[in-house]
Amino acid sequence: MNGTKAIKVVLAKPGLDGHDQGAKVVARALRDAGFEVVYTGLRQTPEAIAKIASDEDAQVIALSSMAGTHLSVCRRLKPLLEQAGLGDRLWIIGGNLPAQDHDTLRELGFRGVFASSSRLEDIIDFIRTNAP
């Protein structure tokens, strides 16, 4: 980024997943690193996530998933983000993501895939390097 405007990240918790401690830790780390973070809160539908990301003109759409529904959510979210004109934005996902699902998530357009053991610095560096 040009240094004059913070990278805007929409961080969403999709589905019925009630575990948001990790998302809050990531949101705080991103804010501390200088990003503008819009945290959607729990239990967001793919439609709501796409609308919020569009309304906020987010450069980064980030999901946190701990409930095992990440593939179905991402399959539903991808066309919604594309229809909203957000196909060129950086999509990332973190949480309880089995290694066998990482390639599928990347094929769906989620360029950053971060297991729950990922370092906050790695997430921050990835966003800084890849955000449009």
N, C-alpha and C. Protein backbone atom coordinates (compact mmCIF):
# COMPACT_ATOMS: atom_id res chain seq x y z
N MET A 1 0.84 -1.18 0.00
CA MET A 1 0.00 0.00 0.00
C MET A 1 0.89 1.24 0.00
N ASN A 2 0.33 2.37 -0.31
CA ASN A 2 1.14 3.58 -0.47
C ASN A 2 1.54 4.22 0.85
N GLY A 3 1.12 3.67 1.95
CA GLY A 3 1.52 4.18 3.25
C GLY A 3 0.62 5.27 3.79
N THR A 4 -0.30 5.80 2.99
CA THR A 4 -1.17 6.88 3.47
C THR A 4 -2.50 6.36 3.99
N LYS A 5 -2.87 5.17 3.61
CA LYS A 5 -4.16 4.62 4.02
C LYS A 5 -3.96 3.18 4.49
N ALA A 6 -4.54 2.86 5.62
CA ALA A 6 -4.39 1.52 6.18
C ALA A 6 -5.10 0.50 5.32
N ILE A 7 -4.55 -0.68 5.25
CA ILE A 7 -5.20 -1.81 4.58
C ILE A 7 -6.43 -2.18 5.39
N LYS A 8 -7.58 -2.28 4.71
CA LYS A 8 -8.83 -2.60 5.41
C LYS A 8 -9.11 -4.09 5.30
N VAL A 9 -9.31 -4.72 6.45
CA VAL A 9 -9.57 -6.15 6.56
C VAL A 9 -10.95 -6.35 7.17
N VAL A 10 -11.82 -7.11 6.49
CA VAL A 10 -13.05 -7.57 7.11
C VAL A 10 -12.77 -8.98 7.61
N LEU A 11 -12.92 -9.18 8.91
CA LEU A 11 -12.67 -10.47 9.55
C LEU A 11 -14.01 -11.03 10.01
N ALA A 12 -14.38 -12.17 9.44
CA ALA A 12 -15.71 -12.73 9.67
C ALA A 12 -15.64 -14.12 10.30
N LYS A 13 -16.67 -14.41 11.09
CA LYS A 13 -16.88 -15.73 11.69
C LYS A 13 -18.11 -16.33 11.04
N PRO A 14 -17.95 -17.20 10.05
CA PRO A 14 -19.11 -17.75 9.36
C PRO A 14 -19.78 -18.90 10.11
N GLY A 15 -21.05 -19.07 9.79
CA GLY A 15 -21.79 -20.23 10.27
C GLY A 15 -22.09 -20.21 11.75
N LEU A 16 -22.29 -21.39 12.30
CA LEU A 16 -22.70 -21.53 13.70
C LEU A 16 -21.53 -21.63 14.67
N ASP A 17 -20.34 -21.43 14.15
CA ASP A 17 -19.12 -21.48 14.95
C ASP A 17 -19.19 -20.45 16.07
N GLY A 18 -19.12 -20.89 17.31
CA GLY A 18 -19.18 -19.99 18.45
C GLY A 18 -17.83 -19.69 19.07
N HIS A 19 -16.76 -20.12 18.44
CA HIS A 19 -15.42 -19.94 18.98
C HIS A 19 -14.78 -18.71 18.35
N ASP A 20 -14.72 -17.61 19.08
CA ASP A 20 -14.18 -16.40 18.47
C ASP A 20 -12.95 -15.84 19.18
N GLN A 21 -12.41 -16.55 20.15
CA GLN A 21 -11.24 -16.03 20.84
C GLN A 21 -10.06 -15.84 19.89
N GLY A 22 -9.81 -16.82 19.03
CA GLY A 22 -8.71 -16.71 18.07
C GLY A 22 -8.92 -15.55 17.11
N ALA A 23 -10.15 -15.38 16.64
CA ALA A 23 -10.44 -14.28 15.72
C ALA A 23 -10.19 -12.94 16.39
N LYS A 24 -10.55 -12.83 17.66
CA LYS A 24 -10.32 -11.58 18.39
C LYS A 24 -8.82 -11.32 18.59
N VAL A 25 -8.06 -12.37 18.82
CA VAL A 25 -6.62 -12.22 18.95
C VAL A 25 -6.02 -11.74 17.62
N VAL A 26 -6.45 -12.34 16.53
CA VAL A 26 -5.96 -11.94 15.20
C VAL A 26 -6.38 -10.50 14.90
N ALA A 27 -7.64 -10.16 15.18
CA ALA A 27 -8.11 -8.79 14.93
C ALA A 27 -7.26 -7.78 15.69
N ARG A 28 -6.96 -8.07 16.93
CA ARG A 28 -6.14 -7.15 17.73
C ARG A 28 -4.73 -7.03 17.16
N ALA A 29 -4.14 -8.16 16.76
CA ALA A 29 -2.80 -8.13 16.20
C ALA A 29 -2.77 -7.33 14.89
N LEU A 30 -3.80 -7.49 14.08
CA LEU A 30 -3.86 -6.74 12.82
C LEU A 30 -4.01 -5.24 13.10
N ARG A 31 -4.85 -4.88 14.05
CA ARG A 31 -4.99 -3.46 14.42
C ARG A 31 -3.66 -2.91 14.94
N ASP A 32 -3.01 -3.68 15.80
CA ASP A 32 -1.73 -3.24 16.36
C ASP A 32 -0.67 -3.07 15.27
N ALA A 33 -0.83 -3.82 14.16
CA ALA A 33 0.12 -3.74 13.05
C ALA A 33 -0.25 -2.62 12.07
N GLY A 34 -1.33 -1.89 12.36
CA GLY A 34 -1.68 -0.74 11.54
C GLY A 34 -2.79 -0.95 10.54
N PHE A 35 -3.40 -2.13 10.54
CA PHE A 35 -4.51 -2.39 9.63
C PHE A 35 -5.80 -1.82 10.21
N GLU A 36 -6.73 -1.47 9.33
CA GLU A 36 -8.08 -1.15 9.76
C GLU A 36 -8.85 -2.46 9.72
N VAL A 37 -9.46 -2.84 10.85
CA VAL A 37 -10.13 -4.14 10.95
C VAL A 37 -11.60 -3.93 11.27
N VAL A 38 -12.45 -4.58 10.47
CA VAL A 38 -13.88 -4.62 10.73
C VAL A 38 -14.18 -6.07 11.11
N TYR A 39 -14.48 -6.29 12.38
CA TYR A 39 -14.81 -7.64 12.86
C TYR A 39 -16.32 -7.79 12.84
N THR A 40 -16.81 -8.81 12.14
CA THR A 40 -18.25 -8.98 11.94
C THR A 40 -18.96 -9.58 13.14
N GLY A 41 -18.23 -10.22 14.03
CA GLY A 41 -18.87 -10.96 15.10
C GLY A 41 -19.24 -12.35 14.64
N LEU A 42 -19.90 -13.07 15.51
CA LEU A 42 -20.21 -14.49 15.30
C LEU A 42 -21.39 -14.71 14.34
N ARG A 43 -21.42 -15.92 13.81
CA ARG A 43 -22.58 -16.48 13.11
C ARG A 43 -23.02 -15.70 11.88
N GLN A 44 -22.05 -15.40 11.02
CA GLN A 44 -22.34 -14.65 9.80
C GLN A 44 -22.62 -15.61 8.64
N THR A 45 -23.60 -15.27 7.83
CA THR A 45 -23.88 -16.04 6.61
C THR A 45 -22.92 -15.59 5.51
N PRO A 46 -22.70 -16.44 4.50
CA PRO A 46 -21.89 -15.99 3.37
C PRO A 46 -22.45 -14.72 2.74
N GLU A 47 -23.77 -14.61 2.65
CA GLU A 47 -24.39 -13.41 2.08
C GLU A 47 -24.05 -12.17 2.89
N ALA A 48 -24.12 -12.28 4.22
CA ALA A 48 -23.79 -11.15 5.08
C ALA A 48 -22.31 -10.77 4.96
N ILE A 49 -21.44 -11.78 4.89
CA ILE A 49 -20.00 -11.52 4.76
C ILE A 49 -19.72 -10.77 3.46
N ALA A 50 -20.30 -11.22 2.36
CA ALA A 50 -20.08 -10.56 1.07
C ALA A 50 -20.59 -9.13 1.10
N LYS A 51 -21.75 -8.91 1.72
CA LYS A 51 -22.32 -7.56 1.79
C LYS A 51 -21.44 -6.64 2.63
N ILE A 52 -21.02 -7.11 3.78
CA ILE A 52 -20.16 -6.30 4.65
C ILE A 52 -18.86 -5.97 3.93
N ALA A 53 -18.24 -6.98 3.31
CA ALA A 53 -16.97 -6.75 2.61
C ALA A 53 -17.15 -5.73 1.49
N SER A 54 -18.27 -5.81 0.77
CA SER A 54 -18.55 -4.86 -0.30
C SER A 54 -18.82 -3.46 0.26
N ASP A 55 -19.68 -3.39 1.26
CA ASP A 55 -20.02 -2.10 1.87
C ASP A 55 -18.78 -1.40 2.43
N GLU A 56 -17.88 -2.17 2.99
CA GLU A 56 -16.66 -1.62 3.61
C GLU A 56 -15.54 -1.40 2.60
N ASP A 57 -15.73 -1.87 1.36
CA ASP A 57 -14.69 -1.80 0.32
C ASP A 57 -13.38 -2.39 0.85
N ALA A 58 -13.49 -3.58 1.45
CA ALA A 58 -12.34 -4.24 2.06
C ALA A 58 -11.34 -4.70 1.02
N GLN A 59 -10.08 -4.53 1.34
CA GLN A 59 -9.02 -5.07 0.49
C GLN A 59 -8.74 -6.53 0.81
N VAL A 60 -9.08 -6.91 2.06
CA VAL A 60 -8.84 -8.28 2.53
C VAL A 60 -10.12 -8.81 3.16
N ILE A 61 -10.52 -10.00 2.72
CA ILE A 61 -11.65 -10.69 3.33
C ILE A 61 -11.06 -11.89 4.05
N ALA A 62 -11.19 -11.89 5.37
CA ALA A 62 -10.58 -12.93 6.20
C ALA A 62 -11.67 -13.68 6.95
N LEU A 63 -11.57 -14.99 6.93
CA LEU A 63 -12.51 -15.84 7.66
C LEU A 63 -11.78 -16.56 8.77
N SER A 64 -12.49 -16.80 9.87
CA SER A 64 -11.99 -17.63 10.95
C SER A 64 -12.98 -18.75 11.14
N SER A 65 -12.50 -19.98 11.00
CA SER A 65 -13.41 -21.13 11.08
C SER A 65 -12.82 -22.20 11.98
N MET A 66 -13.58 -22.55 13.01
CA MET A 66 -13.15 -23.59 13.93
C MET A 66 -14.11 -24.77 13.95
N ALA A 67 -15.22 -24.70 13.22
CA ALA A 67 -16.30 -25.67 13.37
C ALA A 67 -16.34 -26.75 12.30
N GLY A 68 -15.39 -26.73 11.37
CA GLY A 68 -15.35 -27.78 10.35
C GLY A 68 -16.24 -27.54 9.14
N THR A 69 -16.82 -26.37 9.02
CA THR A 69 -17.70 -26.06 7.88
C THR A 69 -17.02 -25.18 6.84
N HIS A 70 -15.72 -25.05 6.93
CA HIS A 70 -14.99 -24.11 6.09
C HIS A 70 -15.16 -24.37 4.59
N LEU A 71 -15.16 -25.62 4.16
CA LEU A 71 -15.28 -25.88 2.72
C LEU A 71 -16.66 -25.49 2.19
N SER A 72 -17.71 -25.86 2.90
CA SER A 72 -19.05 -25.50 2.42
C SER A 72 -19.26 -24.00 2.45
N VAL A 73 -18.78 -23.33 3.49
CA VAL A 73 -18.90 -21.87 3.57
C VAL A 73 -18.14 -21.20 2.43
N CYS A 74 -16.91 -21.64 2.19
CA CYS A 74 -16.09 -21.03 1.15
C CYS A 74 -16.67 -21.29 -0.24
N ARG A 75 -17.25 -22.46 -0.44
CA ARG A 75 -17.90 -22.74 -1.73
C ARG A 75 -19.10 -21.83 -1.96
N ARG A 76 -19.82 -21.50 -0.91
CA ARG A 76 -20.96 -20.58 -1.02
C ARG A 76 -20.51 -19.13 -1.14
N LEU A 77 -19.42 -18.79 -0.46
CA LEU A 77 -18.96 -17.41 -0.42
C LEU A 77 -18.28 -16.97 -1.71
N LYS A 78 -17.53 -17.84 -2.34
CA LYS A 78 -16.76 -17.47 -3.53
C LYS A 78 -17.61 -16.77 -4.59
N PRO A 79 -18.73 -17.35 -5.07
CA PRO A 79 -19.50 -16.65 -6.11
C PRO A 79 -20.11 -15.35 -5.61
N LEU A 80 -20.43 -15.27 -4.33
CA LEU A 80 -20.99 -14.04 -3.78
C LEU A 80 -19.95 -12.92 -3.78
N LEU A 81 -18.71 -13.24 -3.42
CA LEU A 81 -17.65 -12.23 -3.47
C LEU A 81 -17.38 -11.80 -4.90
N GLU A 82 -17.38 -12.77 -5.81
CA GLU A 82 -17.15 -12.43 -7.22
C GLU A 82 -18.27 -11.55 -7.76
N GLN A 83 -19.52 -11.88 -7.44
CA GLN A 83 -20.66 -11.07 -7.90
C GLN A 83 -20.61 -9.66 -7.33
N ALA A 84 -20.05 -9.51 -6.14
CA ALA A 84 -19.94 -8.21 -5.49
C ALA A 84 -18.74 -7.41 -6.01
N GLY A 85 -18.01 -7.97 -6.98
CA GLY A 85 -16.85 -7.28 -7.53
C GLY A 85 -15.62 -7.36 -6.65
N LEU A 86 -15.56 -8.37 -5.79
CA LEU A 86 -14.45 -8.52 -4.85
C LEU A 86 -13.51 -9.67 -5.21
N GLY A 87 -13.59 -10.12 -6.45
CA GLY A 87 -12.75 -11.24 -6.88
C GLY A 87 -11.27 -10.91 -6.90
N ASP A 88 -10.94 -9.63 -6.98
CA ASP A 88 -9.53 -9.22 -7.04
C ASP A 88 -8.96 -8.91 -5.66
N ARG A 89 -9.75 -9.05 -4.63
CA ARG A 89 -9.28 -8.78 -3.27
C ARG A 89 -8.56 -10.00 -2.72
N LEU A 90 -7.86 -9.80 -1.63
CA LEU A 90 -7.15 -10.90 -0.98
C LEU A 90 -8.11 -11.62 -0.05
N TRP A 91 -8.31 -12.92 -0.28
CA TRP A 91 -9.15 -13.75 0.56
C TRP A 91 -8.24 -14.66 1.37
N ILE A 92 -8.44 -14.67 2.68
CA ILE A 92 -7.66 -15.56 3.54
C ILE A 92 -8.59 -16.25 4.53
N ILE A 93 -8.12 -17.36 5.06
CA ILE A 93 -8.89 -18.11 6.05
C ILE A 93 -7.94 -18.72 7.06
N GLY A 94 -8.38 -18.74 8.31
CA GLY A 94 -7.59 -19.35 9.36
C GLY A 94 -8.48 -20.12 10.31
N GLY A 95 -7.84 -20.98 11.08
CA GLY A 95 -8.57 -21.73 12.09
C GLY A 95 -8.26 -23.20 12.05
N ASN A 96 -9.26 -23.99 12.40
CA ASN A 96 -9.13 -25.44 12.45
C ASN A 96 -9.32 -25.99 11.04
N LEU A 97 -8.23 -25.98 10.28
CA LEU A 97 -8.27 -26.32 8.86
C LEU A 97 -7.36 -27.51 8.59
N PRO A 98 -7.93 -28.70 8.44
CA PRO A 98 -7.10 -29.88 8.19
C PRO A 98 -6.22 -29.70 6.94
N ALA A 99 -5.00 -30.20 7.01
CA ALA A 99 -4.04 -30.03 5.92
C ALA A 99 -4.60 -30.51 4.59
N GLN A 100 -5.43 -31.57 4.60
CA GLN A 100 -5.96 -32.09 3.35
C GLN A 100 -6.94 -31.13 2.67
N ASP A 101 -7.39 -30.09 3.37
CA ASP A 101 -8.32 -29.11 2.80
C ASP A 101 -7.62 -27.87 2.26
N HIS A 102 -6.35 -27.70 2.55
CA HIS A 102 -5.64 -26.46 2.18
C HIS A 102 -5.65 -26.23 0.67
N ASP A 103 -5.35 -27.25 -0.12
CA ASP A 103 -5.32 -27.07 -1.58
C ASP A 103 -6.71 -26.70 -2.12
N THR A 104 -7.75 -27.33 -1.60
CA THR A 104 -9.12 -27.01 -2.03
C THR A 104 -9.46 -25.57 -1.70
N LEU A 105 -9.08 -25.11 -0.52
CA LEU A 105 -9.33 -23.72 -0.14
C LEU A 105 -8.60 -22.76 -1.08
N ARG A 106 -7.37 -23.09 -1.43
CA ARG A 106 -6.62 -22.24 -2.37
C ARG A 106 -7.27 -22.26 -3.75
N GLU A 107 -7.75 -23.42 -4.19
CA GLU A 107 -8.45 -23.50 -5.48
C GLU A 107 -9.72 -22.66 -5.49
N LEU A 108 -10.34 -22.50 -4.32
CA LEU A 108 -11.54 -21.68 -4.21
C LEU A 108 -11.22 -20.18 -4.17
N GLY A 109 -9.94 -19.84 -4.14
CA GLY A 109 -9.53 -18.44 -4.17
C GLY A 109 -8.99 -17.89 -2.87
N PHE A 110 -8.91 -18.72 -1.84
CA PHE A 110 -8.37 -18.28 -0.56
C PHE A 110 -6.85 -18.46 -0.61
N ARG A 111 -6.17 -17.38 -0.95
CA ARG A 111 -4.73 -17.45 -1.18
C ARG A 111 -3.94 -17.68 0.09
N GLY A 112 -4.45 -17.17 1.20
CA GLY A 112 -3.80 -17.39 2.48
C GLY A 112 -4.60 -18.38 3.30
N VAL A 113 -3.95 -19.48 3.67
CA VAL A 113 -4.60 -20.51 4.48
C VAL A 113 -3.72 -20.71 5.71
N PHE A 114 -4.29 -20.41 6.87
CA PHE A 114 -3.52 -20.41 8.11
C PHE A 114 -4.14 -21.34 9.14
N ALA A 115 -3.42 -22.40 9.46
CA ALA A 115 -3.86 -23.31 10.52
C ALA A 115 -3.86 -22.56 11.85
N SER A 116 -4.58 -23.09 12.82
CA SER A 116 -4.70 -22.41 14.12
C SER A 116 -3.36 -22.24 14.82
N SER A 117 -2.35 -22.98 14.40
CA SER A 117 -1.02 -22.84 15.01
C SER A 117 -0.17 -21.78 14.33
N SER A 118 -0.72 -21.06 13.35
CA SER A 118 0.06 -20.06 12.62
C SER A 118 0.49 -18.91 13.51
N ARG A 119 1.65 -18.36 13.18
CA ARG A 119 2.16 -17.20 13.92
C ARG A 119 1.47 -15.93 13.43
N LEU A 120 1.13 -15.06 14.34
CA LEU A 120 0.49 -13.79 13.98
C LEU A 120 1.36 -12.99 13.01
N GLU A 121 2.67 -13.02 13.21
CA GLU A 121 3.57 -12.29 12.33
C GLU A 121 3.49 -12.80 10.89
N ASP A 122 3.28 -14.11 10.73
CA ASP A 122 3.17 -14.67 9.39
C ASP A 122 1.90 -14.20 8.69
N ILE A 123 0.82 -14.10 9.44
CA ILE A 123 -0.45 -13.61 8.87
C ILE A 123 -0.28 -12.14 8.46
N ILE A 124 0.29 -11.35 9.34
CA ILE A 124 0.50 -9.92 9.07
C ILE A 124 1.38 -9.74 7.84
N ASP A 125 2.50 -10.45 7.78
CA ASP A 125 3.41 -10.34 6.65
C ASP A 125 2.73 -10.76 5.34
N PHE A 126 1.92 -11.83 5.41
CA PHE A 126 1.23 -12.30 4.21
C PHE A 126 0.28 -11.22 3.68
N ILE A 127 -0.46 -10.60 4.58
CA ILE A 127 -1.38 -9.55 4.16
C ILE A 127 -0.62 -8.37 3.58
N ARG A 128 0.41 -7.93 4.25
CA ARG A 128 1.20 -6.78 3.75
C ARG A 128 1.77 -7.07 2.37
N THR A 129 2.19 -8.28 2.14
CA THR A 129 2.81 -8.65 0.87
C THR A 129 1.78 -8.83 -0.25
N ASN A 130 0.58 -9.27 0.08
CA ASN A 130 -0.37 -9.70 -0.95
C ASN A 130 -1.62 -8.85 -1.09
N ALA A 131 -1.89 -7.93 -0.17
CA ALA A 131 -3.12 -7.11 -0.29
C ALA A 131 -3.03 -6.22 -1.52
N PRO A 132 -4.15 -6.05 -2.21
CA PRO A 132 -4.13 -5.20 -3.40
C PRO A 132 -3.97 -3.72 -3.04
